[in-house]
Structures are given as structure tokens and as C-alpha cells.
């Protein structure tokens, strides 16, 4: 089995079960596992923070081109 990557701040990830692409905001080691806090932006470009994810729940996100729609 291939060794899994240890996620770092700034990495793009998503849930193994599927989710929006998220950016790792914070990591911490606790009780023998790593807890990851991620952030993503919803349909209205509002930041959403998802915290306390075990690193085993995440996979490396796909490389994608992102288009920003900036509203005045």
C-alpha cells in the first residue's frame, strides 16, 4: 500500500466520500491522529470553515482551473 501524504496548510483536499474542493487551513496532532481544519467558498463566495476532520477522511483534491466571478 502506498504511503499517504501528510496534508499541509494550503493543500487542496476533499472528503473521500465527495465534497467541494477545500483548502487546509490548520492542522494539529491530538490523541494519536491528526485533526484538519479546512475552508471552502459556497455558491455566494462566502467562506465556510469545516473543522476537526481526521486526515484519514481526506484525499488530495484534483487539480482544477478555477474561475472567479467577482461581483461589484
Protein backbone atom coordinates (compact mmCIF):
# COMPACT_ATOMS: atom_id res chain seq x y z
CA UNK A 1 0.00 0.00 0.00
CA UNK A 2 1.32 3.44 -0.93
CA UNK A 3 2.15 5.82 1.88
CA UNK A 4 -0.44 8.56 2.19
CA UNK A 5 0.59 12.20 2.01
CA UNK A 6 0.60 14.22 5.21
CA UNK A 7 -1.51 17.27 4.48
CA UNK A 8 -0.04 20.72 4.98
CA UNK A 9 -1.55 24.19 5.26
CA UNK A 10 -2.52 25.36 1.77
CA UNK A 11 -3.08 21.88 0.31
CA UNK A 12 -6.27 21.36 -1.72
CA UNK A 13 -8.27 18.40 -0.41
CA UNK A 14 -11.71 16.87 -0.46
CA UNK A 15 -13.59 14.26 1.54
CA UNK A 16 -13.11 10.66 0.41
CA UNK A 17 -16.90 10.43 0.07
CA UNK A 18 -17.00 13.53 -2.13
CA UNK A 19 -17.19 17.23 -1.30
CA UNK A 20 -16.31 20.66 -2.68
CA UNK A 21 -12.59 21.29 -3.01
CA UNK A 22 -11.30 22.70 0.26
CA UNK A 23 -8.04 24.31 1.38
CA UNK A 24 -6.28 23.10 4.52
CA UNK A 25 -6.32 26.00 6.99
CA UNK A 26 -4.93 24.36 10.15
CA UNK A 27 -3.60 21.00 11.34
CA UNK A 28 -2.95 19.62 14.81
CA UNK A 29 -1.91 16.31 16.30
CA UNK A 30 -4.23 15.03 19.02
CA UNK A 31 -4.62 11.65 20.67
CA UNK A 32 -2.68 9.72 18.04
CA UNK A 33 -4.35 11.19 14.96
CA UNK A 34 -4.28 14.44 13.00
CA UNK A 35 -7.16 16.88 13.06
CA UNK A 36 -7.56 19.06 9.97
CA UNK A 37 -9.50 22.31 9.60
CA UNK A 38 -10.43 23.27 6.04
CA UNK A 39 -12.09 26.21 4.33
CA UNK A 40 -14.07 26.49 1.10
CA UNK A 41 -16.33 29.09 -0.50
CA UNK A 42 -20.03 28.47 -1.06
CA UNK A 43 -22.09 29.45 -4.11
CA UNK A 44 -22.28 33.03 -2.83
CA UNK A 45 -18.48 33.23 -2.32
CA UNK A 46 -18.90 33.17 1.47
CA UNK A 47 -16.18 31.29 3.37
CA UNK A 48 -17.26 28.08 5.10
CA UNK A 49 -14.95 26.50 7.68
CA UNK A 50 -15.07 22.75 8.31
CA UNK A 51 -13.15 21.64 11.39
CA UNK A 52 -11.99 18.55 13.24
CA UNK A 53 -11.68 16.29 10.21
CA UNK A 54 -9.46 13.25 10.72
CA UNK A 55 -6.80 13.16 7.99
CA UNK A 56 -7.99 9.63 7.07
CA UNK A 57 -11.24 11.24 5.85
CA UNK A 58 -9.43 13.34 3.22
CA UNK A 59 -7.80 12.79 -0.16
CA UNK A 60 -5.69 15.13 -2.26
CA UNK A 61 -8.01 17.35 -4.31
CA UNK A 62 -7.98 17.27 -8.08
CA UNK A 63 -6.04 19.93 -9.94
CA UNK A 64 -8.64 22.18 -11.48
CA UNK A 65 -8.83 25.56 -13.14
CA UNK A 66 -10.90 27.92 -11.03
CA UNK A 67 -12.78 30.88 -12.45
CA UNK A 68 -13.74 33.62 -10.02
CA UNK A 69 -16.91 35.61 -10.60
CA UNK A 70 -16.30 38.96 -8.94
CA UNK A 71 -19.42 40.98 -8.31
CA UNK A 72 -19.39 44.77 -7.92
